[in-house]
Amino acid sequence: MPVPLAPYPTAPVPFTPPNGGQSQLVCSGCRNLLLYPLGATSVCCAVCNAVTAVPPPGTEMAQLVCGGCHTLLMYIRGATSVQCSCCHTINLALEANQVAHVNCGNCQMLLMYQYGAGSVKCAVCNFVTSVGASPITEHKPNN
């Protein structure tokens, strides 16, 4: 009487957290976008084998394109500058809703403008105040 053969064991299915629990980061070696499951502490890139540390849970990340080489950079939200690991350009990391204040150079009215602008025009007297060398205070609105 023949003995039935057991089927080949199937490969274990990798654990995927509920809700597709994946996140992404940029490889520290080749700058490719890496996907990884939530809970991972580091990710090994399949292209260049570089190991990239995963930021701690709850850390908000942001992205920008390097002004020097146009590489996508990821950084911890709130950083003021980001140095590109490819071309070493230091990029200003400005929040979209970040504003600054300066007093009008003519009538001293307090003016609010988009952070990073070179000048601002006063709505009261139409004087254009240069803000490149002026001392300013930043204000980040609560969202």
N, C-alpha and C. Protein backbone atom coordinates (compact mmCIF):
# COMPACT_ATOMS: atom_id res chain seq x y z
N MET A 1 0.85 -1.17 0.00
CA MET A 1 0.00 0.00 0.00
C MET A 1 0.90 1.23 0.00
N PRO A 2 0.66 2.20 -0.94
CA PRO A 2 1.51 3.39 -0.99
C PRO A 2 1.25 4.32 0.19
N VAL A 3 2.30 4.99 0.60
CA VAL A 3 2.21 5.95 1.70
C VAL A 3 1.95 7.34 1.11
N PRO A 4 0.90 8.03 1.56
CA PRO A 4 0.65 9.37 1.02
C PRO A 4 1.77 10.32 1.44
N LEU A 5 2.20 11.15 0.50
CA LEU A 5 3.25 12.14 0.79
C LEU A 5 2.61 13.42 1.31
N ALA A 6 3.26 13.99 2.28
CA ALA A 6 2.79 15.27 2.82
C ALA A 6 3.12 16.36 1.81
N PRO A 7 2.27 17.35 1.67
CA PRO A 7 2.58 18.44 0.73
C PRO A 7 3.81 19.20 1.19
N TYR A 8 4.47 19.81 0.23
CA TYR A 8 5.62 20.63 0.58
C TYR A 8 5.19 21.70 1.55
N PRO A 9 6.02 22.00 2.54
CA PRO A 9 5.63 23.08 3.46
C PRO A 9 5.60 24.40 2.71
N THR A 10 4.61 25.19 3.01
CA THR A 10 4.51 26.49 2.37
C THR A 10 5.36 27.49 3.14
N ALA A 11 5.85 28.46 2.41
CA ALA A 11 6.66 29.50 3.05
C ALA A 11 5.77 30.29 4.00
N PRO A 12 6.30 30.67 5.17
CA PRO A 12 5.49 31.45 6.09
C PRO A 12 5.11 32.79 5.47
N VAL A 13 3.91 33.21 5.72
CA VAL A 13 3.42 34.50 5.22
C VAL A 13 3.95 35.58 6.15
N PRO A 14 4.64 36.60 5.61
CA PRO A 14 5.15 37.65 6.49
C PRO A 14 4.01 38.37 7.20
N PHE A 15 4.29 38.76 8.43
CA PHE A 15 3.28 39.45 9.23
C PHE A 15 3.11 40.87 8.71
N THR A 16 1.87 41.22 8.40
CA THR A 16 1.55 42.59 8.01
C THR A 16 0.61 43.16 9.05
N PRO A 17 1.00 44.23 9.72
CA PRO A 17 0.13 44.82 10.73
C PRO A 17 -1.21 45.21 10.13
N PRO A 18 -2.26 45.30 10.96
CA PRO A 18 -3.57 45.69 10.45
C PRO A 18 -3.52 47.05 9.76
N ASN A 19 -4.48 47.28 8.89
CA ASN A 19 -4.60 48.53 8.12
C ASN A 19 -3.40 48.75 7.21
N GLY A 20 -2.77 47.67 6.76
CA GLY A 20 -1.64 47.81 5.84
C GLY A 20 -0.46 48.49 6.48
N GLY A 21 -0.33 48.48 7.78
CA GLY A 21 0.65 49.21 8.57
C GLY A 21 2.04 49.31 8.01
N GLN A 22 2.18 50.08 6.96
CA GLN A 22 3.50 50.32 6.41
C GLN A 22 3.80 51.80 6.44
N SER A 23 5.08 52.10 6.46
CA SER A 23 5.51 53.48 6.38
C SER A 23 6.63 53.54 5.37
N GLN A 24 7.17 54.71 5.14
CA GLN A 24 8.23 54.85 4.16
C GLN A 24 9.30 55.80 4.66
N LEU A 25 10.50 55.61 4.13
CA LEU A 25 11.61 56.52 4.39
C LEU A 25 12.57 56.44 3.22
N VAL A 26 13.51 57.36 3.17
CA VAL A 26 14.48 57.40 2.08
C VAL A 26 15.74 56.68 2.52
N CYS A 27 16.25 55.80 1.67
CA CYS A 27 17.46 55.03 1.96
C CYS A 27 18.63 56.00 2.20
N SER A 28 19.40 55.72 3.25
CA SER A 28 20.53 56.58 3.58
C SER A 28 21.69 56.38 2.62
N GLY A 29 21.64 55.32 1.82
CA GLY A 29 22.72 55.04 0.88
C GLY A 29 22.44 55.57 -0.52
N CYS A 30 21.40 55.01 -1.17
CA CYS A 30 21.15 55.33 -2.57
C CYS A 30 19.98 56.29 -2.77
N ARG A 31 19.29 56.71 -1.71
CA ARG A 31 18.21 57.69 -1.72
C ARG A 31 16.92 57.15 -2.35
N ASN A 32 16.80 55.82 -2.54
CA ASN A 32 15.55 55.24 -3.01
C ASN A 32 14.53 55.26 -1.89
N LEU A 33 13.26 55.27 -2.26
CA LEU A 33 12.18 55.24 -1.28
C LEU A 33 12.00 53.80 -0.80
N LEU A 34 12.02 53.61 0.52
CA LEU A 34 11.88 52.28 1.11
C LEU A 34 10.56 52.17 1.85
N LEU A 35 9.86 51.07 1.68
CA LEU A 35 8.65 50.77 2.45
C LEU A 35 9.03 49.77 3.52
N TYR A 36 8.45 49.92 4.72
CA TYR A 36 8.75 48.99 5.79
C TYR A 36 7.52 48.85 6.69
N PRO A 37 7.40 47.70 7.38
CA PRO A 37 6.26 47.51 8.28
C PRO A 37 6.43 48.33 9.55
N LEU A 38 5.33 48.83 10.07
CA LEU A 38 5.38 49.57 11.33
C LEU A 38 5.97 48.67 12.41
N GLY A 39 6.79 49.24 13.24
CA GLY A 39 7.43 48.48 14.31
C GLY A 39 8.87 48.13 14.00
N ALA A 40 9.27 48.24 12.73
CA ALA A 40 10.66 47.95 12.37
C ALA A 40 11.56 49.03 12.96
N THR A 41 12.78 48.65 13.33
CA THR A 41 13.74 49.62 13.88
C THR A 41 14.77 50.04 12.85
N SER A 42 14.94 49.24 11.80
CA SER A 42 15.84 49.58 10.71
C SER A 42 15.39 48.85 9.46
N VAL A 43 15.84 49.37 8.30
CA VAL A 43 15.45 48.79 7.02
C VAL A 43 16.71 48.62 6.18
N CYS A 44 16.85 47.42 5.58
CA CYS A 44 17.97 47.16 4.68
C CYS A 44 17.50 47.36 3.25
N CYS A 45 18.17 48.21 2.52
CA CYS A 45 17.81 48.52 1.14
C CYS A 45 18.15 47.33 0.24
N ALA A 46 17.21 46.93 -0.60
CA ALA A 46 17.43 45.82 -1.53
C ALA A 46 18.33 46.22 -2.68
N VAL A 47 18.50 47.51 -2.93
CA VAL A 47 19.31 47.97 -4.05
C VAL A 47 20.78 48.08 -3.65
N CYS A 48 21.06 48.80 -2.54
CA CYS A 48 22.46 49.07 -2.18
C CYS A 48 22.89 48.39 -0.87
N ASN A 49 21.97 47.70 -0.20
CA ASN A 49 22.24 47.00 1.07
C ASN A 49 22.58 47.92 2.24
N ALA A 50 22.36 49.23 2.10
CA ALA A 50 22.58 50.14 3.23
C ALA A 50 21.47 49.93 4.26
N VAL A 51 21.82 50.00 5.51
CA VAL A 51 20.85 49.87 6.59
C VAL A 51 20.50 51.28 7.08
N THR A 52 19.21 51.62 7.02
CA THR A 52 18.73 52.93 7.43
C THR A 52 17.91 52.78 8.70
N ALA A 53 18.24 53.57 9.72
CA ALA A 53 17.50 53.54 10.98
C ALA A 53 16.13 54.15 10.79
N VAL A 54 15.13 53.54 11.42
CA VAL A 54 13.76 54.04 11.37
C VAL A 54 13.59 55.01 12.53
N PRO A 55 13.02 56.21 12.28
CA PRO A 55 12.79 57.15 13.38
C PRO A 55 11.83 56.55 14.41
N PRO A 56 11.93 56.96 15.67
CA PRO A 56 11.05 56.43 16.71
C PRO A 56 9.57 56.65 16.36
N PRO A 57 8.69 55.77 16.83
CA PRO A 57 7.26 55.93 16.56
C PRO A 57 6.78 57.30 17.04
N GLY A 58 5.88 57.89 16.27
CA GLY A 58 5.34 59.20 16.64
C GLY A 58 6.15 60.36 16.09
N THR A 59 7.32 60.08 15.51
CA THR A 59 8.13 61.14 14.93
C THR A 59 7.53 61.53 13.59
N GLU A 60 7.18 62.79 13.45
CA GLU A 60 6.60 63.27 12.19
C GLU A 60 7.73 63.59 11.22
N MET A 61 7.60 63.06 10.01
CA MET A 61 8.60 63.29 8.98
C MET A 61 8.04 64.23 7.91
N ALA A 62 8.94 64.92 7.25
CA ALA A 62 8.57 65.80 6.15
C ALA A 62 9.55 65.54 5.01
N GLN A 63 9.22 66.03 3.83
CA GLN A 63 10.06 65.84 2.66
C GLN A 63 10.33 67.17 1.98
N LEU A 64 11.48 67.24 1.31
CA LEU A 64 11.77 68.37 0.44
C LEU A 64 12.69 67.90 -0.66
N VAL A 65 12.77 68.66 -1.72
CA VAL A 65 13.66 68.35 -2.83
C VAL A 65 14.89 69.22 -2.69
N CYS A 66 16.06 68.60 -2.74
CA CYS A 66 17.33 69.32 -2.57
C CYS A 66 17.47 70.37 -3.67
N GLY A 67 17.85 71.58 -3.28
CA GLY A 67 18.05 72.66 -4.23
C GLY A 67 19.30 72.48 -5.07
N GLY A 68 20.23 71.63 -4.63
CA GLY A 68 21.47 71.43 -5.37
C GLY A 68 21.39 70.34 -6.41
N CYS A 69 20.87 69.15 -6.02
CA CYS A 69 20.88 68.01 -6.95
C CYS A 69 19.49 67.44 -7.21
N HIS A 70 18.45 68.04 -6.64
CA HIS A 70 17.05 67.64 -6.85
C HIS A 70 16.74 66.24 -6.33
N THR A 71 17.47 65.80 -5.31
CA THR A 71 17.20 64.52 -4.66
C THR A 71 16.12 64.71 -3.61
N LEU A 72 15.22 63.74 -3.49
CA LEU A 72 14.20 63.80 -2.45
C LEU A 72 14.85 63.56 -1.10
N LEU A 73 14.63 64.46 -0.15
CA LEU A 73 15.18 64.34 1.19
C LEU A 73 14.04 64.21 2.19
N MET A 74 14.19 63.34 3.17
CA MET A 74 13.24 63.24 4.26
C MET A 74 13.94 63.70 5.52
N TYR A 75 13.20 64.37 6.39
CA TYR A 75 13.77 64.89 7.62
C TYR A 75 12.71 64.94 8.70
N ILE A 76 13.14 65.08 9.93
CA ILE A 76 12.20 65.17 11.05
C ILE A 76 11.55 66.54 11.01
N ARG A 77 10.20 66.55 10.99
CA ARG A 77 9.44 67.80 10.93
C ARG A 77 9.87 68.71 12.08
N GLY A 78 10.08 69.97 11.76
CA GLY A 78 10.50 70.95 12.75
C GLY A 78 11.96 71.34 12.59
N ALA A 79 12.72 70.55 11.82
CA ALA A 79 14.12 70.91 11.58
C ALA A 79 14.16 72.21 10.78
N THR A 80 15.17 73.03 11.01
CA THR A 80 15.28 74.30 10.30
C THR A 80 16.09 74.17 9.02
N SER A 81 16.98 73.19 8.95
CA SER A 81 17.76 72.96 7.74
C SER A 81 18.06 71.47 7.60
N VAL A 82 18.32 71.05 6.36
CA VAL A 82 18.61 69.66 6.05
C VAL A 82 19.79 69.62 5.11
N GLN A 83 20.85 68.87 5.46
CA GLN A 83 22.00 68.75 4.58
C GLN A 83 21.82 67.53 3.69
N CYS A 84 21.97 67.71 2.40
CA CYS A 84 21.83 66.61 1.45
C CYS A 84 23.04 65.69 1.57
N SER A 85 22.78 64.39 1.65
CA SER A 85 23.88 63.44 1.78
C SER A 85 24.55 63.17 0.43
N CYS A 86 23.92 63.60 -0.67
CA CYS A 86 24.51 63.39 -2.00
C CYS A 86 25.46 64.52 -2.38
N CYS A 87 24.95 65.77 -2.35
CA CYS A 87 25.75 66.90 -2.81
C CYS A 87 26.18 67.83 -1.67
N HIS A 88 25.74 67.54 -0.45
CA HIS A 88 26.10 68.28 0.76
C HIS A 88 25.54 69.71 0.81
N THR A 89 24.57 70.03 -0.05
CA THR A 89 23.91 71.32 0.00
C THR A 89 23.09 71.40 1.29
N ILE A 90 23.13 72.55 1.95
CA ILE A 90 22.29 72.76 3.14
C ILE A 90 21.02 73.45 2.68
N ASN A 91 19.89 72.76 2.84
CA ASN A 91 18.59 73.24 2.40
C ASN A 91 17.80 73.77 3.58
N LEU A 92 17.15 74.94 3.40
CA LEU A 92 16.28 75.46 4.44
C LEU A 92 14.99 74.64 4.43
N ALA A 93 14.54 74.23 5.61
CA ALA A 93 13.33 73.44 5.73
C ALA A 93 12.25 74.32 6.32
N LEU A 94 11.46 74.93 5.46
CA LEU A 94 10.43 75.86 5.90
C LEU A 94 9.08 75.19 5.87
N GLU A 95 8.30 75.40 6.88
CA GLU A 95 6.94 74.89 6.92
C GLU A 95 6.07 75.75 6.02
N ALA A 96 5.07 75.15 5.42
CA ALA A 96 4.21 75.86 4.48
C ALA A 96 3.45 77.00 5.15
N ASN A 97 3.10 76.84 6.41
CA ASN A 97 2.29 77.87 7.07
C ASN A 97 3.13 78.73 8.03
N GLN A 98 4.43 78.73 7.87
CA GLN A 98 5.30 79.48 8.76
C GLN A 98 5.35 80.94 8.29
N VAL A 99 5.11 81.84 9.22
CA VAL A 99 5.11 83.26 8.90
C VAL A 99 6.09 84.00 9.80
N ALA A 100 6.47 85.19 9.38
CA ALA A 100 7.38 86.02 10.16
C ALA A 100 6.80 87.42 10.24
N HIS A 101 7.37 88.23 11.12
CA HIS A 101 6.88 89.60 11.33
C HIS A 101 8.04 90.57 11.22
N VAL A 102 7.74 91.78 10.75
CA VAL A 102 8.71 92.87 10.70
C VAL A 102 7.92 94.18 10.76
N ASN A 103 8.53 95.21 11.29
CA ASN A 103 7.90 96.54 11.29
C ASN A 103 8.18 97.22 9.97
N CYS A 104 7.17 97.89 9.43
CA CYS A 104 7.32 98.64 8.18
C CYS A 104 8.44 99.66 8.35
N GLY A 105 9.29 99.76 7.32
CA GLY A 105 10.41 100.69 7.35
C GLY A 105 9.99 102.14 7.26
N ASN A 106 8.71 102.42 6.96
CA ASN A 106 8.23 103.78 6.83
C ASN A 106 7.31 104.17 7.99
N CYS A 107 6.22 103.44 8.17
CA CYS A 107 5.22 103.83 9.18
C CYS A 107 5.26 102.98 10.46
N GLN A 108 6.17 102.02 10.52
CA GLN A 108 6.37 101.16 11.69
C GLN A 108 5.19 100.21 11.99
N MET A 109 4.26 100.07 11.04
CA MET A 109 3.16 99.12 11.20
C MET A 109 3.75 97.71 11.24
N LEU A 110 3.24 96.85 12.14
CA LEU A 110 3.71 95.48 12.21
C LEU A 110 3.16 94.71 11.01
N LEU A 111 4.06 94.12 10.22
CA LEU A 111 3.69 93.40 9.01
C LEU A 111 3.94 91.91 9.19
N MET A 112 3.09 91.10 8.60
CA MET A 112 3.25 89.65 8.62
C MET A 112 3.46 89.20 7.18
N TYR A 113 4.40 88.27 6.96
CA TYR A 113 4.69 87.82 5.61
C TYR A 113 5.15 86.37 5.64
N GLN A 114 5.16 85.73 4.46
CA GLN A 114 5.60 84.34 4.35
C GLN A 114 7.08 84.26 4.68
N TYR A 115 7.42 83.37 5.60
CA TYR A 115 8.81 83.21 6.01
C TYR A 115 9.68 82.89 4.79
N GLY A 116 10.80 83.55 4.67
CA GLY A 116 11.71 83.33 3.57
C GLY A 116 11.60 84.37 2.46
N ALA A 117 10.58 85.23 2.51
CA ALA A 117 10.43 86.29 1.50
C ALA A 117 11.56 87.30 1.64
N GLY A 118 11.91 87.96 0.54
CA GLY A 118 12.98 88.96 0.57
C GLY A 118 12.51 90.34 0.96
N SER A 119 11.21 90.61 0.74
CA SER A 119 10.66 91.92 1.09
C SER A 119 9.16 91.78 1.31
N VAL A 120 8.57 92.82 1.92
CA VAL A 120 7.13 92.83 2.15
C VAL A 120 6.63 94.25 1.93
N LYS A 121 5.46 94.37 1.27
CA LYS A 121 4.88 95.68 0.99
C LYS A 121 3.82 96.00 2.04
N CYS A 122 3.89 97.17 2.62
CA CYS A 122 2.94 97.60 3.64
C CYS A 122 1.61 97.92 2.99
N ALA A 123 0.52 97.39 3.54
CA ALA A 123 -0.82 97.66 3.00
C ALA A 123 -1.33 99.04 3.40
N VAL A 124 -0.69 99.67 4.39
CA VAL A 124 -1.13 100.99 4.85
C VAL A 124 -0.49 102.11 4.02
N CYS A 125 0.86 102.08 3.89
CA CYS A 125 1.55 103.18 3.20
C CYS A 125 2.22 102.75 1.90
N ASN A 126 2.12 101.48 1.53
CA ASN A 126 2.69 100.93 0.29
C ASN A 126 4.21 100.94 0.24
N PHE A 127 4.88 101.16 1.36
CA PHE A 127 6.33 101.12 1.41
C PHE A 127 6.79 99.66 1.36
N VAL A 128 7.86 99.38 0.60
CA VAL A 128 8.40 98.02 0.51
C VAL A 128 9.58 97.92 1.46
N THR A 129 9.46 97.04 2.45
CA THR A 129 10.50 96.84 3.45
C THR A 129 11.28 95.58 3.11
N SER A 130 12.60 95.72 3.04
CA SER A 130 13.46 94.56 2.82
C SER A 130 13.56 93.79 4.13
N VAL A 131 13.44 92.48 4.06
CA VAL A 131 13.49 91.67 5.28
C VAL A 131 14.69 90.75 5.32
N GLY A 132 15.58 90.83 4.33
CA GLY A 132 16.74 89.96 4.29
C GLY A 132 17.68 90.13 5.46
N ALA A 133 17.93 91.38 5.90
CA ALA A 133 18.88 91.63 6.98
C ALA A 133 18.20 92.13 8.24
N SER A 134 16.87 92.21 8.22
CA SER A 134 16.16 92.74 9.38
C SER A 134 15.99 91.68 10.46
N PRO A 135 16.09 92.07 11.73
CA PRO A 135 15.79 91.11 12.78
C PRO A 135 14.29 90.83 12.77
N ILE A 136 13.93 89.57 12.78
CA ILE A 136 12.52 89.19 12.73
C ILE A 136 12.21 88.18 13.82
N THR A 137 10.95 88.05 14.13
CA THR A 137 10.51 87.02 15.05
C THR A 137 9.57 86.09 14.30
N GLU A 138 9.73 84.80 14.56
CA GLU A 138 8.90 83.82 13.89
C GLU A 138 7.67 83.53 14.72
N HIS A 139 6.62 83.18 14.00
CA HIS A 139 5.39 82.76 14.66
C HIS A 139 4.87 81.55 13.90
N LYS A 140 4.71 80.42 14.58
CA LYS A 140 4.15 79.23 13.97
C LYS A 140 2.75 79.05 14.52
N PRO A 141 1.74 79.25 13.68
CA PRO A 141 0.37 79.09 14.16
C PRO A 141 0.08 77.65 14.54
N ASN A 142 -0.75 77.48 15.55
CA ASN A 142 -1.15 76.14 15.97
C ASN A 142 -2.21 75.62 15.03
N ASN A 143 -1.99 74.42 14.52
CA ASN A 143 -2.98 73.81 13.63
C ASN A 143 -3.61 72.64 14.32
